[in-house]
């Protein structure tokens, strides 16, 4: 899973995203994948998360238990709230 953000925080067309470092873990009992960022996420910042499918051919696609890769990327965006104390 990749998590990136717009380094200029809000509307930079053509800017390169900044990668967020962290670890990914999967809980098979409840089928939930969690990305734990190494550092707290920035407040009031739009992030883009990508679970990679097989579309680009680099063999990093998520696969099901039977082995076939996911056919395309799953992408979503979210914005962190402003202010407050980041959770550890």
N, C-alpha and C. Protein backbone atom coordinates (compact mmCIF):
# COMPACT_ATOMS: atom_id res chain seq x y z
N UNK A 1 0.85 -1.16 0.00
CA UNK A 1 0.00 0.00 0.00
C UNK A 1 0.90 1.22 0.00
N UNK A 2 0.56 2.18 -0.83
CA UNK A 2 1.28 3.45 -0.87
C UNK A 2 0.39 4.54 -0.30
N UNK A 3 0.96 5.45 0.46
CA UNK A 3 0.25 6.61 0.97
C UNK A 3 1.10 7.81 0.64
N UNK A 4 0.51 8.80 -0.03
CA UNK A 4 1.24 10.00 -0.43
C UNK A 4 0.42 11.23 -0.10
N UNK A 5 1.09 12.39 -0.10
CA UNK A 5 0.39 13.65 0.07
C UNK A 5 1.04 14.71 -0.80
N UNK A 6 0.25 15.74 -1.11
CA UNK A 6 0.72 16.89 -1.88
C UNK A 6 1.56 17.75 -0.95
N UNK A 7 2.84 17.88 -1.26
CA UNK A 7 3.77 18.55 -0.36
C UNK A 7 3.40 20.01 -0.13
N UNK A 8 2.74 20.64 -1.08
CA UNK A 8 2.38 22.04 -0.90
C UNK A 8 1.02 22.21 -0.25
N UNK A 9 0.43 21.09 0.20
CA UNK A 9 -0.77 21.11 1.01
C UNK A 9 -1.91 21.92 0.39
N UNK A 10 -2.37 21.45 -0.75
CA UNK A 10 -3.59 22.06 -1.25
C UNK A 10 -3.52 22.62 -2.64
N UNK A 11 -3.63 21.80 -3.64
CA UNK A 11 -3.86 22.30 -4.97
C UNK A 11 -2.65 22.52 -5.84
N UNK A 12 -1.60 21.82 -5.65
CA UNK A 12 -0.43 21.96 -6.51
C UNK A 12 -0.58 21.02 -7.70
N UNK A 13 -1.00 21.54 -8.84
CA UNK A 13 -1.16 20.71 -10.03
C UNK A 13 0.21 20.34 -10.58
N UNK A 14 0.44 19.06 -10.77
CA UNK A 14 1.70 18.60 -11.33
C UNK A 14 2.81 18.38 -10.32
N UNK A 15 2.57 18.65 -9.05
CA UNK A 15 3.59 18.42 -8.03
C UNK A 15 3.77 16.91 -7.82
N UNK A 16 4.96 16.52 -7.49
CA UNK A 16 5.22 15.12 -7.18
C UNK A 16 4.74 14.84 -5.76
N UNK A 17 4.03 13.74 -5.56
CA UNK A 17 3.57 13.43 -4.20
C UNK A 17 4.73 12.99 -3.32
N UNK A 18 4.56 13.21 -2.03
CA UNK A 18 5.56 12.81 -1.05
C UNK A 18 5.11 11.49 -0.42
N UNK A 19 5.98 10.48 -0.48
CA UNK A 19 5.68 9.16 0.07
C UNK A 19 5.65 9.21 1.58
N UNK A 20 4.70 8.53 2.19
CA UNK A 20 4.61 8.41 3.64
C UNK A 20 5.17 7.04 4.02
N UNK A 21 6.18 7.02 4.87
CA UNK A 21 6.77 5.76 5.32
C UNK A 21 5.92 5.15 6.42
N UNK A 22 5.89 3.84 6.46
CA UNK A 22 5.15 3.15 7.50
C UNK A 22 5.18 1.65 7.26
N UNK A 23 4.47 0.93 8.11
CA UNK A 23 4.37 -0.52 7.96
C UNK A 23 2.91 -0.89 7.69
N UNK A 24 2.73 -1.98 6.96
CA UNK A 24 1.39 -2.48 6.63
C UNK A 24 1.21 -3.81 7.34
N UNK A 25 0.05 -3.96 7.98
CA UNK A 25 -0.26 -5.24 8.61
C UNK A 25 -1.68 -5.64 8.22
N UNK A 26 -1.91 -6.94 8.24
CA UNK A 26 -3.20 -7.48 7.82
C UNK A 26 -3.75 -8.39 8.90
N UNK A 27 -5.00 -8.17 9.28
CA UNK A 27 -5.68 -9.02 10.24
C UNK A 27 -6.62 -9.92 9.46
N UNK A 28 -6.26 -11.19 9.32
CA UNK A 28 -7.04 -12.13 8.53
C UNK A 28 -8.39 -12.45 9.17
N UNK A 29 -8.50 -12.36 10.48
CA UNK A 29 -9.77 -12.67 11.16
C UNK A 29 -10.89 -11.71 10.74
N UNK A 30 -10.56 -10.42 10.67
CA UNK A 30 -11.60 -9.45 10.29
C UNK A 30 -11.36 -8.84 8.92
N UNK A 31 -10.34 -9.33 8.21
CA UNK A 31 -10.02 -8.91 6.84
C UNK A 31 -9.80 -7.40 6.73
N UNK A 32 -8.98 -6.87 7.64
CA UNK A 32 -8.67 -5.45 7.65
C UNK A 32 -7.17 -5.27 7.48
N UNK A 33 -6.81 -4.37 6.57
CA UNK A 33 -5.42 -4.00 6.37
C UNK A 33 -5.20 -2.63 6.99
N UNK A 34 -4.11 -2.48 7.74
CA UNK A 34 -3.83 -1.24 8.45
C UNK A 34 -2.45 -0.74 8.04
N UNK A 35 -2.39 0.55 7.68
CA UNK A 35 -1.12 1.22 7.43
C UNK A 35 -0.79 2.02 8.66
N UNK A 36 0.33 1.70 9.31
CA UNK A 36 0.81 2.45 10.47
C UNK A 36 1.93 3.37 10.01
N UNK A 37 1.64 4.68 9.85
CA UNK A 37 2.70 5.60 9.42
C UNK A 37 3.81 5.69 10.47
N UNK A 38 5.03 5.85 10.00
CA UNK A 38 6.18 6.00 10.90
C UNK A 38 6.06 7.26 11.73
N UNK A 39 5.56 8.33 11.12
CA UNK A 39 5.36 9.62 11.80
C UNK A 39 3.89 10.00 11.70
N UNK A 40 3.40 10.85 12.61
CA UNK A 40 1.99 11.27 12.54
C UNK A 40 1.69 11.95 11.20
N UNK A 41 0.47 11.77 10.71
CA UNK A 41 0.06 12.44 9.49
C UNK A 41 -0.10 13.93 9.76
N UNK A 42 0.13 14.75 8.74
CA UNK A 42 0.02 16.20 8.87
C UNK A 42 -1.44 16.62 8.99
N UNK A 43 -1.74 17.65 9.81
CA UNK A 43 -3.12 18.12 9.91
C UNK A 43 -3.55 18.84 8.64
N UNK A 44 -4.85 18.81 8.36
CA UNK A 44 -5.45 19.52 7.22
C UNK A 44 -4.74 19.23 5.91
N UNK A 45 -4.43 17.97 5.68
CA UNK A 45 -3.68 17.57 4.49
C UNK A 45 -4.43 16.46 3.76
N UNK A 46 -4.53 16.59 2.43
CA UNK A 46 -5.16 15.55 1.63
C UNK A 46 -4.15 14.47 1.33
N UNK A 47 -4.52 13.23 1.58
CA UNK A 47 -3.68 12.07 1.31
C UNK A 47 -4.34 11.20 0.24
N UNK A 48 -3.51 10.49 -0.49
CA UNK A 48 -3.98 9.52 -1.48
C UNK A 48 -3.39 8.17 -1.10
N UNK A 49 -4.25 7.17 -0.96
CA UNK A 49 -3.81 5.81 -0.64
C UNK A 49 -4.05 4.92 -1.85
N UNK A 50 -3.10 4.03 -2.12
CA UNK A 50 -3.21 3.13 -3.27
C UNK A 50 -2.88 1.72 -2.85
N UNK A 51 -3.80 0.80 -3.12
CA UNK A 51 -3.50 -0.62 -3.03
C UNK A 51 -3.27 -1.05 -4.47
N UNK A 52 -2.08 -1.52 -4.75
CA UNK A 52 -1.66 -1.73 -6.13
C UNK A 52 -2.22 -3.01 -6.74
N UNK A 53 -2.77 -2.84 -7.93
CA UNK A 53 -3.24 -3.96 -8.74
C UNK A 53 -2.20 -4.30 -9.80
N UNK A 54 -2.56 -5.16 -10.73
CA UNK A 54 -1.59 -5.66 -11.71
C UNK A 54 -1.47 -4.80 -12.96
N UNK A 55 -2.13 -3.65 -13.00
CA UNK A 55 -2.16 -2.83 -14.20
C UNK A 55 -0.82 -2.37 -14.75
N UNK A 56 0.18 -2.12 -13.89
CA UNK A 56 1.45 -1.60 -14.41
C UNK A 56 2.51 -2.67 -14.65
N UNK A 57 2.19 -3.92 -14.36
CA UNK A 57 3.08 -5.02 -14.70
C UNK A 57 4.34 -5.17 -13.88
N UNK A 58 4.46 -4.50 -12.73
CA UNK A 58 5.70 -4.61 -11.95
C UNK A 58 5.66 -5.73 -10.91
N UNK A 59 4.62 -6.53 -10.90
CA UNK A 59 4.50 -7.73 -10.05
C UNK A 59 4.39 -7.41 -8.57
N UNK A 60 3.93 -6.20 -8.21
CA UNK A 60 3.73 -5.85 -6.81
C UNK A 60 2.26 -5.86 -6.43
N UNK A 61 1.41 -6.39 -7.29
CA UNK A 61 -0.03 -6.36 -7.07
C UNK A 61 -0.44 -7.24 -5.90
N UNK A 62 -1.48 -6.79 -5.21
CA UNK A 62 -2.09 -7.58 -4.16
C UNK A 62 -2.71 -8.82 -4.80
N UNK A 63 -2.56 -9.97 -4.13
CA UNK A 63 -3.11 -11.23 -4.65
C UNK A 63 -4.05 -11.83 -3.63
N UNK A 64 -5.04 -12.59 -4.14
CA UNK A 64 -5.90 -13.30 -3.21
C UNK A 64 -5.24 -14.61 -2.81
N UNK A 65 -5.88 -15.37 -1.95
CA UNK A 65 -5.28 -16.61 -1.47
C UNK A 65 -5.00 -17.62 -2.58
N UNK A 66 -5.78 -17.56 -3.65
CA UNK A 66 -5.59 -18.46 -4.78
C UNK A 66 -4.45 -18.05 -5.70
N UNK A 67 -3.96 -16.82 -5.56
CA UNK A 67 -2.82 -16.37 -6.34
C UNK A 67 -3.08 -15.32 -7.39
N UNK A 68 -4.29 -15.22 -7.99
CA UNK A 68 -4.49 -14.20 -9.01
C UNK A 68 -4.39 -12.79 -8.42
N UNK A 69 -3.69 -11.89 -9.12
CA UNK A 69 -3.57 -10.52 -8.61
C UNK A 69 -4.85 -9.73 -8.82
N UNK A 70 -5.01 -8.69 -8.03
CA UNK A 70 -6.11 -7.76 -8.22
C UNK A 70 -5.91 -7.09 -9.58
N UNK A 71 -6.97 -6.92 -10.35
CA UNK A 71 -6.82 -6.48 -11.75
C UNK A 71 -6.42 -5.02 -11.90
N UNK A 72 -6.76 -4.17 -10.96
CA UNK A 72 -6.41 -2.76 -11.07
C UNK A 72 -6.15 -2.16 -9.71
N UNK A 73 -5.61 -0.95 -9.70
CA UNK A 73 -5.34 -0.26 -8.45
C UNK A 73 -6.65 0.11 -7.75
N UNK A 74 -6.64 0.10 -6.42
CA UNK A 74 -7.74 0.61 -5.63
C UNK A 74 -7.22 1.89 -4.98
N UNK A 75 -7.81 3.03 -5.33
CA UNK A 75 -7.30 4.33 -4.91
C UNK A 75 -8.39 5.08 -4.15
N UNK A 76 -8.02 5.71 -3.05
CA UNK A 76 -8.95 6.58 -2.36
C UNK A 76 -8.19 7.75 -1.77
N UNK A 77 -8.94 8.83 -1.50
CA UNK A 77 -8.39 10.06 -0.95
C UNK A 77 -9.08 10.36 0.38
N UNK A 78 -8.33 10.95 1.28
CA UNK A 78 -8.92 11.42 2.53
C UNK A 78 -8.15 12.63 3.00
N UNK A 79 -8.79 13.45 3.82
CA UNK A 79 -8.15 14.65 4.36
C UNK A 79 -8.16 14.56 5.88
N UNK A 80 -7.00 14.81 6.47
CA UNK A 80 -6.90 14.78 7.93
C UNK A 80 -7.57 16.04 8.49
N UNK A 81 -8.01 15.94 9.73
CA UNK A 81 -8.63 17.10 10.37
C UNK A 81 -7.57 18.13 10.74
N UNK A 82 -7.98 19.33 10.96
CA UNK A 82 -7.03 20.40 11.31
C UNK A 82 -6.78 20.47 12.79
N UNK A 83 -5.51 20.62 13.15
CA UNK A 83 -5.16 20.82 14.55
C UNK A 83 -5.30 19.58 15.40
N UNK A 84 -5.27 19.80 16.70
CA UNK A 84 -5.36 18.70 17.63
C UNK A 84 -4.02 18.03 17.85
N UNK A 85 -4.02 17.05 18.71
CA UNK A 85 -2.79 16.31 18.99
C UNK A 85 -2.81 15.00 18.22
N UNK A 86 -1.76 14.72 17.41
CA UNK A 86 -1.74 13.47 16.66
C UNK A 86 -1.71 12.26 17.58
N UNK A 87 -2.37 11.20 17.16
CA UNK A 87 -2.32 9.97 17.93
C UNK A 87 -0.97 9.29 17.72
N UNK A 88 -0.47 8.58 18.71
CA UNK A 88 0.82 7.89 18.54
C UNK A 88 0.71 6.73 17.57
